[in-house]
Protein backbone atom coordinates (compact mmCIF):
# COMPACT_ATOMS: atom_id res chain seq x y z
CA UNK A 1 50.00 -2.57 -12.56
CA UNK A 2 51.61 -0.50 -9.89
CA UNK A 3 50.28 0.15 -6.43
CA UNK A 4 49.62 3.80 -7.30
CA UNK A 5 47.23 2.81 -10.12
CA UNK A 6 45.27 0.50 -7.79
CA UNK A 7 44.95 3.29 -5.23
CA UNK A 8 43.78 5.72 -7.93
CA UNK A 9 41.13 3.28 -9.19
CA UNK A 10 39.87 2.73 -5.64
CA UNK A 11 39.76 6.49 -5.02
CA UNK A 12 37.79 7.17 -8.19
CA UNK A 13 35.33 4.35 -7.51
CA UNK A 14 34.90 5.58 -3.93
CA UNK A 15 34.18 9.09 -5.19
CA UNK A 16 31.59 7.76 -7.66
CA UNK A 17 29.80 5.79 -4.93
CA UNK A 18 29.88 8.78 -2.57
CA UNK A 19 28.43 11.09 -5.22
CA UNK A 20 25.69 8.58 -5.99
CA UNK A 21 24.70 8.31 -2.32
CA UNK A 22 24.73 12.09 -1.82
CA UNK A 23 22.78 12.62 -5.03
CA UNK A 24 20.14 10.07 -4.05
CA UNK A 25 19.77 11.56 -0.58
CA UNK A 26 19.49 15.04 -2.08
CA UNK A 27 16.79 13.89 -4.52
CA UNK A 28 14.77 12.30 -1.71
CA UNK A 29 15.19 15.40 0.47
CA UNK A 30 14.04 17.78 -2.27
CA UNK A 31 11.10 15.61 -3.39
CA UNK A 32 10.06 14.21 0.01
CA UNK A 33 6.59 15.82 -0.04
CA UNK A 34 5.75 14.42 -3.47
CA UNK A 35 7.05 10.98 -2.47
CA UNK A 36 4.97 10.98 0.73
CA UNK A 37 1.81 12.03 -1.13
CA UNK A 38 2.35 9.34 -3.77
CA UNK A 39 2.73 6.67 -1.10
CA UNK A 40 -0.40 7.92 0.71
CA UNK A 41 -2.44 7.82 -2.52
CA UNK A 42 -1.29 4.30 -3.33
CA UNK A 43 -2.04 3.11 0.22
CA UNK A 44 -5.53 4.63 0.20
CA UNK A 45 -6.21 3.13 -3.23
CA UNK A 46 -5.21 -0.33 -2.07
CA UNK A 47 -7.27 -0.06 1.13
CA UNK A 48 -10.39 1.44 -0.44
CA UNK A 49 -10.22 -0.53 -3.67
CA UNK A 50 -9.79 2.28 -6.13
CA UNK A 51 -11.92 5.03 -4.70
CA UNK A 52 -14.30 6.20 -2.06
CA UNK A 53 -17.88 5.05 -2.70
CA UNK A 54 -20.50 7.78 -2.81
CA UNK A 55 -22.62 8.04 0.31
CA UNK A 56 -26.21 6.95 -0.18
CA UNK A 57 -25.45 5.08 -3.39
CA UNK A 58 -26.02 1.45 -4.27
CA UNK A 59 -22.49 0.56 -3.19
CA UNK A 60 -23.34 0.63 0.53
CA UNK A 61 -23.79 -2.72 2.25
CA UNK A 62 -27.36 -3.60 3.22
CA UNK A 63 -26.62 -6.19 5.89
CA UNK A 64 -25.84 -9.87 5.83
CA UNK A 65 -28.37 -11.53 3.55
CA UNK A 66 -26.07 -14.53 3.16
CA UNK A 67 -26.68 -15.39 6.86
CA UNK A 68 -30.48 -15.21 6.64
CA UNK A 69 -32.26 -18.56 6.28
CA UNK A 70 -33.53 -19.35 2.80
CA UNK A 71 -37.20 -18.52 2.24
CA UNK A 72 -38.02 -22.01 0.93
CA UNK A 73 -36.70 -23.71 4.08
CA UNK A 74 -39.24 -24.94 6.60
CA UNK A 75 -39.30 -23.25 9.98
CA UNK A 76 -37.83 -25.09 12.97
CA UNK A 77 -40.42 -26.81 15.19
CA UNK A 78 -41.36 -25.00 18.36
CA UNK A 79 -40.36 -26.40 21.72
CA UNK A 80 -43.23 -27.98 23.65
CA UNK A 81 -44.65 -25.74 26.36
CA UNK A 82 -45.04 -27.10 29.87
């Protein structure tokens, strides 16, 4: 294989890579708004867990009932008064 053939192969492969990079950049530039909106939607979905709960519905937290003492537990004794 002569040196000219090697140079031609390198030139063609360089042109293909350059066209791929320019084409990808052009696609991102043209569709940047749609890409940004898609990323925003996916981020909000992952943060909110699939959707925004309706206000006033049963999905709102009511407090921390897991920290309240059980109702069947005896009350702590009172400290003696002096």
